[in-house]
Amino acid sequence: MRILLTNDDGIHAPGIVSLHAAIEDLGEVWTVAPLTVQSAAGHGITYTNPLMVEPVQVTPTFGGMAIDGKPADCVKLAIRSLWPEHFGEHARPDLTISGMNAGANVGINILYSGTVAAAIESAFLGVPSIAVSLYLKNRDRIFWDRAAEIAKITIGHILATRPLTPHEVLNINIPPIESQNAPMPPIRVVDMNAAPLREGFERRISPAGQVYYWAAGEGMQFTSTTTGSDVDLIRADNVTVTPLSYVMTDVDRVQEWREALEPITADQSV
C-alpha cells in the first residue's frame, strides 16, 4: 500500500514526524506537506500565486516534498501531478493520512481545520483518507510518539475491518496522552458536536491609535455539548472516529424547496 502523508502544521511539525515513524510499516509512505504552519486554513486553495515545491529533510529518517501553499493545495498537487511524476503515469495513492495535528479537530473545528480539509480533498479526488488529530490539554507535556502509536493502532483496526471506498474520509481524534506508556484508549464511533465555540474578540488600540481585534477563546469551549458526540467522548478519554462527507446538500429539504420553487417561471414576480 502506498500512503500519501500530509498535514496542516507544516512539514517540520513534531506531529507529522511522529506519525510518519508510526505508520511506516503500513506501507510505502511519501510525504507532501505545507512548508509553513497552515492551522485553521480550512479548505482554502491557491490560485493567484505559484506553488513552490522543494524537497526537505527534516530529520535523518524523515523528509518529503514541502509545498509553499495550503493543505488542500498539497493534496491536489500531490495526486494530480507529483504522485504520477514520482511513481509513474496514472499512479495514485492507495490512502491519504493527514496529521497528526496539534490540537483536536472536533465539533465546528472540523470545518476550520486544514488537517481535515486535506483529507476531504483527497476523498473528493477519489483517494480514501484519514485525518488524525491530538487533543492537547497540557502543551508542556506532549507525548507525540505514543499518540502516534495509538493513531497507528486505530488506523490498523480501520483497515482490518474492510477496504475503504474511494471517496471515504474518517476523522480520528486522540485524547490527551499523559505518558509514553499510556494505555490504548477505547475507540468510539461518534457524531460531530453541532454547536458554536464560546469565543469573542478583544478590542485593542494600536500605538498609532488604530482599533483592532484579537480573537479570544479556547478551541475546546463550546456553547453546548451533545452526549455521545465527538466533543463529549474525547473529553472522556476515548479515541473518537467520525465518518465525514464533503457533499453538503441538505437532502431533507431538497424536495421541500423543489415543490416551493420549481413551479415558478421566469416571468413571475414575487
Protein backbone atom coordinates (compact mmCIF):
# COMPACT_ATOMS: atom_id res chain seq x y z
CA MET A 1 0.00 0.00 0.00
CA ARG A 2 1.23 3.47 -0.90
CA ILE A 3 0.28 6.23 1.54
CA LEU A 4 0.29 9.99 0.97
CA LEU A 5 1.12 11.72 4.27
CA THR A 6 0.28 15.40 4.75
CA ASN A 7 -0.79 17.85 7.47
CA ASP A 8 -1.58 21.50 8.20
CA ASP A 9 1.05 22.21 10.89
CA GLY A 10 3.82 22.12 8.30
CA ILE A 11 6.39 19.55 7.30
CA HIS A 12 8.65 20.40 10.27
CA ALA A 13 5.92 19.80 12.89
CA PRO A 14 6.54 17.08 15.52
CA GLY A 15 3.12 15.55 14.87
CA ILE A 16 3.87 14.57 11.28
CA VAL A 17 7.37 13.38 12.17
CA SER A 18 6.00 11.05 14.87
CA LEU A 19 3.09 9.85 12.74
CA HIS A 20 5.42 9.04 9.85
CA ALA A 21 7.56 6.88 12.12
CA ALA A 22 4.50 5.08 13.48
CA ILE A 23 2.86 4.25 10.13
CA GLU A 24 5.97 3.28 8.15
CA ASP A 25 5.18 -0.41 8.42
CA LEU A 26 1.68 0.08 6.98
CA GLY A 27 3.16 0.60 3.52
CA GLU A 28 5.29 2.93 1.44
CA VAL A 29 4.80 6.43 2.88
CA TRP A 30 5.50 9.53 0.78
CA THR A 31 5.11 12.97 2.35
CA VAL A 32 3.80 16.11 0.67
CA ALA A 33 3.08 18.79 3.26
CA PRO A 34 2.98 22.57 3.67
CA LEU A 35 6.29 24.37 4.06
CA THR A 36 4.87 26.55 6.87
CA VAL A 37 2.15 26.30 9.50
CA GLN A 38 -1.33 26.43 7.94
CA SER A 39 -3.52 25.84 11.00
CA ALA A 40 -7.20 26.81 10.55
CA ALA A 41 -6.62 27.24 6.81
CA GLY A 42 -9.86 25.36 6.18
CA HIS A 43 -10.35 24.28 2.59
CA GLY A 44 -8.61 27.25 1.04
CA ILE A 45 -6.60 26.74 -2.15
CA THR A 46 -4.07 28.86 -4.03
CA TYR A 47 -5.00 30.33 -7.42
CA THR A 48 -3.15 33.64 -7.77
CA ASN A 49 0.36 32.55 -6.73
CA PRO A 50 2.64 29.74 -7.87
CA LEU A 51 3.01 26.67 -5.66
CA MET A 52 6.72 26.40 -4.95
CA VAL A 53 7.93 22.82 -4.34
CA GLU A 54 11.16 21.74 -2.66
CA PRO A 55 12.48 18.53 -1.10
CA VAL A 56 13.08 18.88 2.64
CA GLN A 57 14.96 16.55 5.01
CA VAL A 58 13.53 17.25 8.46
CA THR A 59 15.34 14.50 10.40
CA PRO A 60 17.77 11.78 9.30
CA THR A 61 14.79 9.43 8.89
CA PHE A 62 12.04 11.80 7.75
CA GLY A 63 11.65 14.13 4.82
CA GLY A 64 9.39 14.87 1.91
CA MET A 65 8.16 17.46 -0.53
CA ALA A 66 7.39 20.86 1.01
CA ILE A 67 4.76 22.98 -0.74
CA ASP A 68 4.52 26.72 -0.15
CA GLY A 69 0.74 26.52 -0.02
CA LYS A 70 -2.25 25.27 1.92
CA PRO A 71 -3.12 21.70 2.96
CA ALA A 72 -5.68 21.23 0.19
CA ASP A 73 -3.08 22.53 -2.29
CA CYS A 74 -0.67 19.83 -1.13
CA VAL A 75 -3.16 17.05 -1.74
CA LYS A 76 -4.38 18.40 -5.09
CA LEU A 77 -0.84 18.87 -6.34
CA ALA A 78 0.33 15.52 -4.98
CA ILE A 79 -2.47 13.47 -6.52
CA ARG A 80 -2.72 15.38 -9.81
CA SER A 81 0.98 15.91 -10.56
CA LEU A 82 3.65 14.92 -8.06
CA TRP A 83 2.50 11.35 -7.48
CA PRO A 84 2.43 10.32 -11.16
CA GLU A 85 5.75 12.14 -11.68
CA HIS A 86 7.30 10.16 -8.81
CA PHE A 87 5.62 6.77 -9.17
CA GLY A 88 4.67 6.66 -12.84
CA GLU A 89 1.88 7.79 -15.15
CA HIS A 90 -1.64 7.26 -13.77
CA ALA A 91 -0.28 6.22 -10.35
CA ARG A 92 -2.31 7.31 -7.33
CA PRO A 93 -2.01 6.80 -3.57
CA ASP A 94 -3.99 3.98 -2.02
CA LEU A 95 -4.66 6.08 1.08
CA THR A 96 -4.07 9.62 2.34
CA ILE A 97 -3.35 10.24 6.02
CA SER A 98 -3.43 13.84 7.24
CA GLY A 99 -1.85 14.73 10.59
CA MET A 100 -1.06 14.36 13.33
CA ASN A 101 -2.49 17.75 14.17
CA ALA A 102 -1.50 19.65 17.32
CA GLY A 103 -5.00 20.07 18.75
CA ALA A 104 -8.30 18.25 18.47
CA ASN A 105 -10.44 18.69 15.37
CA VAL A 106 -13.89 18.03 16.79
CA GLY A 107 -17.16 19.94 16.58
CA ILE A 108 -17.14 23.11 14.48
CA ASN A 109 -13.34 22.93 14.34
CA ILE A 110 -13.77 20.24 11.68
CA LEU A 111 -14.89 22.99 9.29
CA TYR A 112 -11.96 25.27 10.10
CA SER A 113 -9.33 22.54 10.06
CA GLY A 114 -6.70 22.35 7.36
CA THR A 115 -5.94 18.82 8.56
CA VAL A 116 -9.47 17.69 7.81
CA ALA A 117 -9.61 19.74 4.60
CA ALA A 118 -6.60 17.87 3.25
CA ALA A 119 -8.31 14.55 3.97
CA ILE A 120 -11.56 15.70 2.39
CA GLU A 121 -9.76 16.95 -0.72
CA SER A 122 -8.20 13.53 -1.12
CA ALA A 123 -11.54 11.74 -0.79
CA PHE A 124 -13.12 14.17 -3.25
CA LEU A 125 -10.41 13.21 -5.75
CA GLY A 126 -11.14 9.52 -5.21
CA VAL A 127 -8.43 8.54 -2.73
CA PRO A 128 -9.78 7.41 0.67
CA SER A 129 -8.39 9.33 3.59
CA ILE A 130 -7.99 9.56 7.34
CA ALA A 131 -7.43 12.75 9.35
CA VAL A 132 -5.61 12.40 12.69
CA SER A 133 -5.54 14.99 15.49
CA LEU A 134 -4.33 15.02 19.09
CA TYR A 135 -6.26 16.80 21.84
CA LEU A 136 -3.72 18.86 23.79
CA LYS A 137 -4.57 19.71 27.38
CA ASN A 138 -1.04 20.42 28.56
CA ARG A 139 1.20 21.78 25.82
CA ASP A 140 4.23 21.41 28.09
CA ARG A 141 3.79 17.61 28.19
CA ILE A 142 3.06 16.20 24.75
CA PHE A 143 3.92 12.56 24.14
CA TRP A 144 3.89 12.63 20.36
CA ASP A 145 5.38 9.18 19.81
CA ARG A 146 2.84 7.37 22.00
CA ALA A 147 -0.03 9.38 20.49
CA ALA A 148 1.20 8.39 17.03
CA GLU A 149 1.34 4.73 18.08
CA ILE A 150 -2.28 4.97 19.28
CA ALA A 151 -3.23 6.60 15.97
CA LYS A 152 -1.49 3.78 14.09
CA ILE A 153 -3.32 1.13 16.13
CA THR A 154 -6.64 2.86 15.38
CA ILE A 155 -5.83 3.09 11.67
CA GLY A 156 -4.85 -0.57 11.72
CA HIS A 157 -8.24 -1.54 13.17
CA ILE A 158 -9.96 0.56 10.49
CA LEU A 159 -8.02 -1.00 7.63
CA ALA A 160 -8.58 -4.52 9.03
CA THR A 161 -12.35 -4.00 9.08
CA ARG A 162 -12.85 -3.56 5.35
CA PRO A 163 -11.29 -1.71 2.39
CA LEU A 164 -12.09 2.00 2.42
CA THR A 165 -14.10 3.14 -0.58
CA PRO A 166 -12.52 5.77 -2.88
CA HIS A 167 -14.49 8.76 -1.55
CA GLU A 168 -14.49 7.76 2.12
CA VAL A 169 -12.98 10.01 4.80
CA LEU A 170 -12.65 9.32 8.53
CA ASN A 171 -11.73 11.83 11.23
CA ILE A 172 -9.73 10.41 14.16
CA ASN A 173 -9.11 12.35 17.36
CA ILE A 174 -6.73 11.08 20.05
CA PRO A 175 -7.41 12.11 23.67
CA PRO A 176 -4.66 13.70 25.80
CA ILE A 177 -1.77 11.27 26.27
CA GLU A 178 -0.23 11.66 29.71
CA SER A 179 2.84 9.45 29.37
CA GLN A 180 4.90 7.47 26.92
CA ASN A 181 3.37 4.30 28.42
CA ALA A 182 -0.25 5.47 28.26
CA PRO A 183 -2.67 2.58 27.61
CA MET A 184 -4.65 2.29 24.41
CA PRO A 185 -7.94 4.21 24.94
CA PRO A 186 -11.29 2.81 23.82
CA ILE A 187 -12.30 3.59 20.24
CA ARG A 188 -15.74 5.16 19.80
CA VAL A 189 -17.53 6.00 16.54
CA VAL A 190 -19.32 9.28 17.08
CA ASP A 191 -21.20 12.19 15.52
CA MET A 192 -19.79 15.69 15.20
CA ASN A 193 -20.90 18.00 18.00
CA ALA A 194 -23.02 20.72 16.35
CA ALA A 195 -22.58 23.83 18.49
CA PRO A 196 -20.62 27.08 18.12
CA LEU A 197 -17.46 27.83 20.04
CA ARG A 198 -17.55 30.09 23.06
CA GLU A 199 -15.38 32.80 21.62
CA GLY A 200 -15.06 36.53 21.42
CA PHE A 201 -12.75 39.29 20.28
CA GLU A 202 -10.70 41.60 22.47
CA ARG A 203 -10.87 45.21 21.32
CA ARG A 204 -7.49 46.89 21.44
CA ILE A 205 -5.84 50.11 20.34
CA SER A 206 -2.54 50.09 18.46
CA PRO A 207 0.26 52.56 19.33
CA ALA A 208 -0.84 54.52 16.26
CA GLY A 209 -4.36 54.82 17.65
CA GLN A 210 -5.98 52.29 15.32
CA VAL A 211 -8.65 49.94 16.63
CA TYR A 212 -8.02 46.24 16.13
CA TYR A 213 -9.47 43.00 17.46
CA TRP A 214 -7.69 39.90 18.74
CA ALA A 215 -9.51 36.57 18.67
CA ALA A 216 -10.04 35.30 22.21
CA GLY A 217 -11.20 31.93 23.47
CA GLU A 218 -10.08 28.32 23.60
CA GLY A 219 -10.74 25.85 20.81
CA MET A 220 -12.46 23.26 23.01
CA GLN A 221 -15.01 25.56 24.66
CA PHE A 222 -18.43 25.07 23.05
CA THR A 223 -21.81 26.62 23.78
CA SER A 224 -23.20 23.13 24.30
CA THR A 225 -22.05 19.53 24.11
CA THR A 226 -24.26 16.69 22.92
CA THR A 227 -23.97 13.49 24.92
CA GLY A 228 -22.10 10.87 22.90
CA SER A 229 -20.67 13.37 20.41
CA ASP A 230 -17.01 13.71 19.44
CA VAL A 231 -16.51 16.55 21.94
CA ASP A 232 -18.18 14.63 24.75
CA LEU A 233 -16.29 11.39 24.26
CA ILE A 234 -12.83 12.76 23.62
CA ARG A 235 -13.17 14.63 26.91
CA ALA A 236 -13.89 11.22 28.46
CA ASP A 237 -10.53 9.94 27.14
CA ASN A 238 -11.78 7.98 24.15
CA VAL A 239 -10.32 7.82 20.67
CA THR A 240 -13.11 9.20 18.50
CA VAL A 241 -13.75 8.23 14.88
CA THR A 242 -16.22 10.25 12.81
CA PRO A 243 -17.10 9.39 9.20
CA LEU A 244 -17.35 12.62 7.21
CA SER A 245 -18.89 13.65 3.90
CA TYR A 246 -17.96 16.53 1.60
CA VAL A 247 -21.43 16.53 -0.01
CA MET A 248 -23.14 19.49 1.64
CA THR A 249 -26.61 19.16 0.14
CA ASP A 250 -29.33 19.24 2.82
CA VAL A 251 -31.18 16.24 1.38
CA ASP A 252 -34.03 16.54 3.89
CA ARG A 253 -35.02 19.92 2.43
CA VAL A 254 -34.41 19.38 -1.29
CA GLN A 255 -37.95 18.21 -2.02
CA GLU A 256 -39.48 20.96 0.13
CA TRP A 257 -37.70 23.66 -1.87
CA ARG A 258 -38.29 21.88 -5.16
CA GLU A 259 -42.05 21.91 -4.56
CA ALA A 260 -41.96 25.54 -3.47
CA LEU A 261 -39.80 26.98 -6.25
CA GLU A 262 -39.85 24.82 -9.35
CA PRO A 263 -43.40 25.80 -10.38
CA ILE A 264 -42.21 29.43 -10.52
CA THR A 265 -41.42 30.67 -14.04
CA ALA A 266 -39.05 33.45 -15.05
CA ASP A 267 -41.88 35.91 -15.79
CA GLN A 268 -43.48 35.53 -12.35
CA SER A 269 -42.71 38.21 -9.79
CA VAL A 270 -42.73 37.82 -6.03
